[in-house]
């Protein structure tokens, strides 16, 4: 079942702006990479990688399902890989 909705922590929203990443690109990376996700050792359950339109790689950590809702993921943090 595909992820339909996203919630963002305040930390993730802050990092999104600081790192000049696009919310839609991050959410798309989670949707597309969810089946190949990796277990995250830190503050969120899963990790996926994506690429911005200009070719910059980034990583996202997120929880899924969120609040028992299999249609929703909670984005915890995001950063560029340089």
PDB file of N, CA and C in Angstrom:
ATOM      1  N   UNK A   1       0.845  -1.183   0.000  1.00  0.00           N
ATOM      2  CA  UNK A   1       0.000   0.000   0.000  1.00  0.00           C
ATOM      3  C   UNK A   1       0.888   1.242   0.000  1.00  0.00           C
ATOM      4  N   UNK A   2       0.656   2.172  -0.882  1.00  0.00           N
ATOM      5  CA  UNK A   2       1.501   3.370  -0.960  1.00  0.00           C
ATOM      6  C   UNK A   2       1.236   4.351   0.183  1.00  0.00           C
ATOM      7  N   UNK A   3       2.258   5.119   0.499  1.00  0.00           N
ATOM      8  CA  UNK A   3       2.120   6.170   1.508  1.00  0.00           C
ATOM      9  C   UNK A   3       1.394   7.345   0.865  1.00  0.00           C
ATOM     10  N   UNK A   4       0.310   7.760   1.474  1.00  0.00           N
ATOM     11  CA  UNK A   4      -0.533   8.827   0.929  1.00  0.00           C
ATOM     12  C   UNK A   4      -0.336  10.168   1.627  1.00  0.00           C
ATOM     13  N   UNK A   5      -0.026  10.120   2.935  1.00  0.00           N
ATOM     14  CA  UNK A   5       0.049  11.355   3.717  1.00  0.00           C
ATOM     15  C   UNK A   5       1.376  11.415   4.480  1.00  0.00           C
ATOM     16  N   UNK A   6       1.789  12.652   4.754  1.00  0.00           N
ATOM     17  CA  UNK A   6       3.010  12.883   5.512  1.00  0.00           C
ATOM     18  C   UNK A   6       2.743  13.889   6.611  1.00  0.00           C
ATOM     19  N   UNK A   7       3.340  13.645   7.762  1.00  0.00           N
ATOM     20  CA  UNK A   7       3.419  14.655   8.802  1.00  0.00           C
ATOM     21  C   UNK A   7       4.902  14.941   8.982  1.00  0.00           C
ATOM     22  N   UNK A   8       5.203  16.161   9.357  1.00  0.00           N
ATOM     23  CA  UNK A   8       6.587  16.589   9.512  1.00  0.00           C
ATOM     24  C   UNK A   8       6.802  17.071  10.941  1.00  0.00           C
ATOM     25  N   UNK A   9       7.879  16.614  11.573  1.00  0.00           N
ATOM     26  CA  UNK A   9       8.230  17.154  12.882  1.00  0.00           C
ATOM     27  C   UNK A   9       8.730  18.589  12.699  1.00  0.00           C
ATOM     28  N   UNK A  10       8.720  19.353  13.773  1.00  0.00           N
ATOM     29  CA  UNK A  10       9.259  20.717  13.716  1.00  0.00           C
ATOM     30  C   UNK A  10      10.737  20.674  13.331  1.00  0.00           C
ATOM     31  N   UNK A  11      11.456  19.696  13.838  1.00  0.00           N
ATOM     32  CA  UNK A  11      12.869  19.542  13.498  1.00  0.00           C
ATOM     33  C   UNK A  11      13.046  19.318  11.993  1.00  0.00           C
ATOM     34  N   UNK A  12      12.241  18.437  11.419  1.00  0.00           N
ATOM     35  CA  UNK A  12      12.348  18.141   9.983  1.00  0.00           C
ATOM     36  C   UNK A  12      12.031  19.373   9.140  1.00  0.00           C
ATOM     37  N   UNK A  13      11.020  20.140   9.534  1.00  0.00           N
ATOM     38  CA  UNK A  13      10.677  21.365   8.791  1.00  0.00           C
ATOM     39  C   UNK A  13      11.820  22.368   8.857  1.00  0.00           C
ATOM     40  N   UNK A  14      12.438  22.492  10.027  1.00  0.00           N
ATOM     41  CA  UNK A  14      13.577  23.383  10.188  1.00  0.00           C
ATOM     42  C   UNK A  14      14.739  22.947   9.293  1.00  0.00           C
ATOM     43  N   UNK A  15      15.072  21.682   9.324  1.00  0.00           N
ATOM     44  CA  UNK A  15      16.184  21.164   8.513  1.00  0.00           C
ATOM     45  C   UNK A  15      15.903  21.286   7.020  1.00  0.00           C
ATOM     46  N   UNK A  16      14.673  21.100   6.622  1.00  0.00           N
ATOM     47  CA  UNK A  16      14.300  21.240   5.219  1.00  0.00           C
ATOM     48  C   UNK A  16      14.682  22.630   4.707  1.00  0.00           C
ATOM     49  N   UNK A  17      14.330  23.655   5.470  1.00  0.00           N
ATOM     50  CA  UNK A  17      14.662  25.023   5.079  1.00  0.00           C
ATOM     51  C   UNK A  17      16.146  25.315   5.158  1.00  0.00           C
ATOM     52  N   UNK A  18      16.777  24.876   6.232  1.00  0.00           N
ATOM     53  CA  UNK A  18      18.210  25.123   6.403  1.00  0.00           C
ATOM     54  C   UNK A  18      19.037  24.478   5.299  1.00  0.00           C
ATOM     55  N   UNK A  19      18.597  23.337   4.844  1.00  0.00           N
ATOM     56  CA  UNK A  19      19.368  22.569   3.864  1.00  0.00           C
ATOM     57  C   UNK A  19      18.863  22.771   2.445  1.00  0.00           C
ATOM     58  N   UNK A  20      17.940  23.703   2.303  1.00  0.00           N
ATOM     59  CA  UNK A  20      17.401  24.096   0.998  1.00  0.00           C
ATOM     60  C   UNK A  20      16.957  22.884   0.173  1.00  0.00           C
ATOM     61  N   UNK A  21      16.135  22.070   0.815  1.00  0.00           N
ATOM     62  CA  UNK A  21      15.552  20.915   0.144  1.00  0.00           C
ATOM     63  C   UNK A  21      14.079  21.180  -0.105  1.00  0.00           C
ATOM     64  N   UNK A  22      13.535  20.482  -1.062  1.00  0.00           N
ATOM     65  CA  UNK A  22      12.149  20.670  -1.465  1.00  0.00           C
ATOM     66  C   UNK A  22      11.265  19.598  -0.831  1.00  0.00           C
ATOM     67  N   UNK A  23      10.201  20.025  -0.198  1.00  0.00           N
ATOM     68  CA  UNK A  23       9.304  19.110   0.495  1.00  0.00           C
ATOM     69  C   UNK A  23       8.758  18.017  -0.430  1.00  0.00           C
ATOM     70  N   UNK A  24       8.351  18.380  -1.622  1.00  0.00           N
ATOM     71  CA  UNK A  24       7.787  17.398  -2.556  1.00  0.00           C
ATOM     72  C   UNK A  24       8.834  16.368  -2.990  1.00  0.00           C
ATOM     73  N   UNK A  25      10.079  16.815  -3.177  1.00  0.00           N
ATOM     74  CA  UNK A  25      11.141  15.870  -3.554  1.00  0.00           C
ATOM     75  C   UNK A  25      11.420  14.886  -2.421  1.00  0.00           C
ATOM     76  N   UNK A  26      11.387  15.375  -1.191  1.00  0.00           N
ATOM     77  CA  UNK A  26      11.615  14.504  -0.037  1.00  0.00           C
ATOM     78  C   UNK A  26      10.477  13.484   0.088  1.00  0.00           C
ATOM     79  N   UNK A  27       9.248  13.948  -0.013  1.00  0.00           N
ATOM     80  CA  UNK A  27       8.109  13.034   0.091  1.00  0.00           C
ATOM     81  C   UNK A  27       8.116  12.012  -1.049  1.00  0.00           C
ATOM     82  N   UNK A  28       8.486  12.435  -2.237  1.00  0.00           N
ATOM     83  CA  UNK A  28       8.558  11.509  -3.371  1.00  0.00           C
ATOM     84  C   UNK A  28       9.638  10.453  -3.136  1.00  0.00           C
ATOM     85  N   UNK A  29      10.763  10.862  -2.570  1.00  0.00           N
ATOM     86  CA  UNK A  29      11.833   9.900  -2.268  1.00  0.00           C
ATOM     87  C   UNK A  29      11.342   8.835  -1.292  1.00  0.00           C
ATOM     88  N   UNK A  30      10.559   9.251  -0.297  1.00  0.00           N
ATOM     89  CA  UNK A  30      10.017   8.279   0.659  1.00  0.00           C
ATOM     90  C   UNK A  30       9.047   7.334  -0.047  1.00  0.00           C
ATOM     91  N   UNK A  31       8.169   7.883  -0.863  1.00  0.00           N
ATOM     92  CA  UNK A  31       7.215   7.030  -1.592  1.00  0.00           C
ATOM     93  C   UNK A  31       7.942   6.020  -2.486  1.00  0.00           C
ATOM     94  N   UNK A  32       8.909   6.519  -3.245  1.00  0.00           N
ATOM     95  CA  UNK A  32       9.606   5.655  -4.202  1.00  0.00           C
ATOM     96  C   UNK A  32      10.584   4.704  -3.543  1.00  0.00           C
ATOM     97  N   UNK A  33      11.182   5.116  -2.427  1.00  0.00           N
ATOM     98  CA  UNK A  33      12.198   4.297  -1.793  1.00  0.00           C
ATOM     99  C   UNK A  33      11.711   3.434  -0.654  1.00  0.00           C
ATOM    100  N   UNK A  34      10.448   3.551  -0.304  1.00  0.00           N
ATOM    101  CA  UNK A  34       9.935   2.848   0.875  1.00  0.00           C
ATOM    102  C   UNK A  34      10.123   1.332   0.785  1.00  0.00           C
ATOM    103  N   UNK A  35       9.928   0.752  -0.369  1.00  0.00           N
ATOM    104  CA  UNK A  35      10.075  -0.704  -0.488  1.00  0.00           C
ATOM    105  C   UNK A  35      11.523  -1.159  -0.329  1.00  0.00           C
ATOM    106  N   UNK A  36      12.485  -0.253  -0.556  1.00  0.00           N
ATOM    107  CA  UNK A  36      13.909  -0.574  -0.418  1.00  0.00           C
ATOM    108  C   UNK A  36      14.531   0.139   0.783  1.00  0.00           C
ATOM    109  N   UNK A  37      13.719   0.593   1.723  1.00  0.00           N
ATOM    110  CA  UNK A  37      14.192   1.355   2.875  1.00  0.00           C
ATOM    111  C   UNK A  37      15.168   0.539   3.717  1.00  0.00           C
ATOM    112  N   UNK A  38      15.960   1.269   4.491  1.00  0.00           N
ATOM    113  CA  UNK A  38      16.896   0.649   5.427  1.00  0.00           C
ATOM    114  C   UNK A  38      16.427   0.942   6.845  1.00  0.00           C
ATOM    115  N   UNK A  39      16.740   0.049   7.756  1.00  0.00           N
ATOM    116  CA  UNK A  39      16.457   0.293   9.162  1.00  0.00           C
ATOM    117  C   UNK A  39      17.402   1.396   9.624  1.00  0.00           C
ATOM    118  N   UNK A  40      16.874   2.366  10.334  1.00  0.00           N
ATOM    119  CA  UNK A  40      17.669   3.464  10.864  1.00  0.00           C
ATOM    120  C   UNK A  40      18.022   3.169  12.318  1.00  0.00           C
ATOM    121  N   UNK A  41      19.255   3.449  12.692  1.00  0.00           N
ATOM    122  CA  UNK A  41      19.709   3.183  14.061  1.00  0.00           C
ATOM    123  C   UNK A  41      19.400   4.314  15.029  1.00  0.00           C
ATOM    124  N   UNK A  42      18.893   5.414  14.535  1.00  0.00           N
ATOM    125  CA  UNK A  42      18.722   6.589  15.381  1.00  0.00           C
ATOM    126  C   UNK A  42      17.293   6.833  15.806  1.00  0.00           C
ATOM    127  N   UNK A  43      16.862   8.098  15.673  1.00  0.00           N
ATOM    128  CA  UNK A  43      15.607   8.561  16.254  1.00  0.00           C
ATOM    129  C   UNK A  43      14.368   8.240  15.428  1.00  0.00           C
ATOM    130  N   UNK A  44      14.537   7.633  14.286  1.00  0.00           N
ATOM    131  CA  UNK A  44      13.389   7.254  13.463  1.00  0.00           C
ATOM    132  C   UNK A  44      13.579   5.814  13.001  1.00  0.00           C
ATOM    133  N   UNK A  45      12.522   5.239  12.528  1.00  0.00           N
ATOM    134  CA  UNK A  45      12.501   3.820  12.177  1.00  0.00           C
ATOM    135  C   UNK A  45      13.214   3.500  10.865  1.00  0.00           C
ATOM    136  N   UNK A  46      13.046   4.353   9.841  1.00  0.00           N
ATOM    137  CA  UNK A  46      13.506   4.032   8.488  1.00  0.00           C
ATOM    138  C   UNK A  46      14.363   5.131   7.889  1.00  0.00           C
ATOM    139  N   UNK A  47      15.186   4.756   6.893  1.00  0.00           N
ATOM    140  CA  UNK A  47      16.031   5.685   6.159  1.00  0.00           C
ATOM    141  C   UNK A  47      15.910   5.380   4.670  1.00  0.00           C
ATOM    142  N   UNK A  48      15.760   6.416   3.864  1.00  0.00           N
ATOM    143  CA  UNK A  48      15.816   6.287   2.405  1.00  0.00           C
ATOM    144  C   UNK A  48      16.672   7.421   1.845  1.00  0.00           C
ATOM    145  N   UNK A  49      17.157   7.203   0.632  1.00  0.00           N
ATOM    146  CA  UNK A  49      17.942   8.216  -0.072  1.00  0.00           C
ATOM    147  C   UNK A  49      17.162   8.699  -1.287  1.00  0.00           C
ATOM    148  N   UNK A  50      17.395   9.952  -1.623  1.00  0.00           N
ATOM    149  CA  UNK A  50      16.779  10.534  -2.812  1.00  0.00           C
ATOM    150  C   UNK A  50      17.765  11.471  -3.485  1.00  0.00           C
ATOM    151  N   UNK A  51      17.314  12.084  -4.564  1.00  0.00           N
ATOM    152  CA  UNK A  51      18.132  13.019  -5.318  1.00  0.00           C
ATOM    153  C   UNK A  51      17.262  14.209  -5.705  1.00  0.00           C
ATOM    154  N   UNK A  52      17.801  15.413  -5.521  1.00  0.00           N
ATOM    155  CA  UNK A  52      17.065  16.613  -5.918  1.00  0.00           C
ATOM    156  C   UNK A  52      17.055  16.734  -7.438  1.00  0.00           C
ATOM    157  N   UNK A  53      16.263  17.664  -7.937  1.00  0.00           N
ATOM    158  CA  UNK A  53      16.191  17.888  -9.385  1.00  0.00           C
ATOM    159  C   UNK A  53      17.544  18.282  -9.963  1.00  0.00           C
ATOM    160  N   UNK A  54      18.397  18.938  -9.152  1.00  0.00           N
ATOM    161  CA  UNK A  54      19.721  19.329  -9.653  1.00  0.00           C
ATOM    162  C   UNK A  54      20.785  18.260  -9.412  1.00  0.00           C
ATOM    163  N   UNK A  55      20.359  17.079  -8.934  1.00  0.00           N
ATOM    164  CA  UNK A  55      21.284  15.952  -8.783  1.00  0.00           C
ATOM    165  C   UNK A  55      21.947  15.814  -7.425  1.00  0.00           C
ATOM    166  N   UNK A  56      21.549  16.614  -6.449  1.00  0.00           N
ATOM    167  CA  UNK A  56      22.132  16.538  -5.112  1.00  0.00           C
ATOM    168  C   UNK A  56      21.492  15.391  -4.327  1.00  0.00           C
ATOM    169  N   UNK A  57      22.288  14.462  -3.837  1.00  0.00           N
ATOM    170  CA  UNK A  57      21.723  13.363  -3.048  1.00  0.00           C
ATOM    171  C   UNK A  57      21.369  13.825  -1.629  1.00  0.00           C
ATOM    172  N   UNK A  58      20.350  13.201  -1.058  1.00  0.00           N
ATOM    173  CA  UNK A  58      19.947  13.497   0.316  1.00  0.00           C
ATOM    174  C   UNK A  58      19.432  12.225   0.966  1.00  0.00           C
ATOM    175  N   UNK A  59      19.324  12.272   2.298  1.00  0.00           N
ATOM    176  CA  UNK A  59      18.750  11.175   3.070  1.00  0.00           C
ATOM    177  C   UNK A  59      17.603  11.695   3.910  1.00  0.00           C
ATOM    178  N   UNK A  60      16.657  10.807   4.159  1.00  0.00           N
ATOM    179  CA  UNK A  60      15.477  11.114   4.961  1.00  0.00           C
ATOM    180  C   UNK A  60      15.320  10.012   5.997  1.00  0.00           C
ATOM    181  N   UNK A  61      15.057  10.415   7.249  1.00  0.00           N
ATOM    182  CA  UNK A  61      14.655   9.416   8.229  1.00  0.00           C
ATOM    183  C   UNK A  61      13.199   9.678   8.586  1.00  0.00           C
ATOM    184  N   UNK A  62      12.463   8.591   8.748  1.00  0.00           N
ATOM    185  CA  UNK A  62      11.023   8.705   8.960  1.00  0.00           C
ATOM    186  C   UNK A  62      10.483   7.488   9.693  1.00  0.00           C
ATOM    187  N   UNK A  63       9.283   7.649  10.210  1.00  0.00           N
ATOM    188  CA  UNK A  63       8.560   6.559  10.854  1.00  0.00           C
ATOM    189  C   UNK A  63       7.363   6.190   9.980  1.00  0.00           C
ATOM    190  N   UNK A  64       7.131   4.899   9.878  1.00  0.00           N
ATOM    191  CA  UNK A  64       5.972   4.398   9.134  1.00  0.00           C
ATOM    192  C   UNK A  64       5.634   3.021   9.663  1.00  0.00           C
ATOM    193  N   UNK A  65       4.390   2.754   9.946  1.00  0.00           N
ATOM    194  CA  UNK A  65       3.257   3.669   9.890  1.00  0.00           C
ATOM    195  C   UNK A  65       3.327   4.673  11.034  1.00  0.00           C
ATOM    196  N   UNK A  66       2.613   5.759  10.872  1.00  0.00           N
ATOM    197  CA  UNK A  66       2.579   6.789  11.910  1.00  0.00           C
ATOM    198  C   UNK A  66       1.219   6.761  12.598  1.00  0.00           C
ATOM    199  N   UNK A  67       1.242   6.615  13.903  1.00  0.00           N
ATOM    200  CA  UNK A  67       0.008   6.585  14.681  1.00  0.00           C
ATOM    201  C   UNK A  67      -0.912   5.445  14.301  1.00  0.00           C
ATOM    202  N   UNK A  68      -0.332   4.334  13.841  1.00  0.00           N
ATOM    203  CA  UNK A  68      -1.126   3.183  13.433  1.00  0.00           C
ATOM    204  C   UNK A  68      -1.758   3.313  12.064  1.00  0.00           C
ATOM    205  N   UNK A  69      -1.502   4.415  11.362  1.00  0.00           N
ATOM    206  CA  UNK A  69      -2.085   4.656  10.040  1.00  0.00           C
ATOM    207  C   UNK A  69      -1.082   4.254   8.960  1.00  0.00           C
ATOM    208  N   UNK A  70      -1.348   3.162   8.255  1.00  0.00           N
ATOM    209  CA  UNK A  70      -0.418   2.668   7.234  1.00  0.00           C
ATOM    210  C   UNK A  70      -0.312   3.585   6.023  1.00  0.00           C
ATOM    211  N   UNK A  71      -1.205   4.542   5.897  1.00  0.00           N
ATOM    212  CA  UNK A  71      -1.156   5.498   4.786  1.00  0.00           C
ATOM    213  C   UNK A  71      -0.304   6.726   5.106  1.00  0.00           C
ATOM    214  N   UNK A  72       0.178   6.848   6.361  1.00  0.00           N
ATOM    215  CA  UNK A  72       0.879   8.058   6.797  1.00  0.00           C
ATOM    216  C   UNK A  72       2.290   7.748   7.282  1.00  0.00           C
ATOM    217  N   UNK A  73       3.235   8.593   6.855  1.00  0.00           N
ATOM    218  CA  UNK A  73       4.612   8.547   7.342  1.00  0.00           C
ATOM    219  C   UNK A  73       4.909   9.861   8.051  1.00  0.00           C
ATOM    220  N   UNK A  74       5.757   9.794   9.063  1.00  0.00           N
ATOM    221  CA  UNK A  74       6.182  10.987   9.794  1.00  0.00           C
ATOM    222  C   UNK A  74       7.652  11.240   9.488  1.00  0.00           C
ATOM    223  N   UNK A  75       7.949  12.367   8.828  1.00  0.00           N
ATOM    224  CA  UNK A  75       9.318  12.733   8.499  1.00  0.00           C
ATOM    225  C   UNK A  75       9.964  13.313   9.757  1.00  0.00           C
ATOM    226  N   UNK A  76      11.112  12.756  10.144  1.00  0.00           N
ATOM    227  CA  UNK A  76      11.788  13.162  11.367  1.00  0.00           C
ATOM    228  C   UNK A  76      12.964  14.092  11.071  1.00  0.00           C
ATOM    229  N   UNK A  77      13.735  13.818  10.000  1.00  0.00           N
ATOM    230  CA  UNK A  77      14.835  14.689   9.617  1.00  0.00           C
ATOM    231  C   UNK A  77      15.241  14.408   8.174  1.00  0.00           C
ATOM    232  N   UNK A  78      15.980  15.370   7.616  1.00  0.00           N
ATOM    233  CA  UNK A  78      16.451  15.262   6.242  1.00  0.00           C
ATOM    234  C   UNK A  78      17.746  16.053   6.112  1.00  0.00           C
ATOM    235  N   UNK A  79      18.669  15.566   5.301  1.00  0.00           N
ATOM    236  CA  UNK A  79      19.928  16.278   5.081  1.00  0.00           C
ATOM    237  C   UNK A  79      20.512  15.932   3.727  1.00  0.00           C
ATOM    238  N   UNK A  80      21.329  16.852   3.224  1.00  0.00           N
ATOM    239  CA  UNK A  80      22.044  16.656   1.961  1.00  0.00           C
ATOM    240  C   UNK A  80      23.255  15.779   2.193  1.00  0.00           C
ATOM    241  N   UNK A  81      23.600  14.979   1.191  1.00  0.00           N
ATOM    242  CA  UNK A  81      24.822  14.182   1.215  1.00  0.00           C
ATOM    243  C   UNK A  81      25.814  14.854   0.265  1.00  0.00           C
ATOM    244  N   UNK A  82      26.889  15.354   0.801  1.00  0.00           N
ATOM    245  CA  UNK A  82      27.869  16.063  -0.037  1.00  0.00           C
ATOM    246  C   UNK A  82      29.211  15.389   0.022  1.00  0.00           C
TER     247      UNK A  82
END
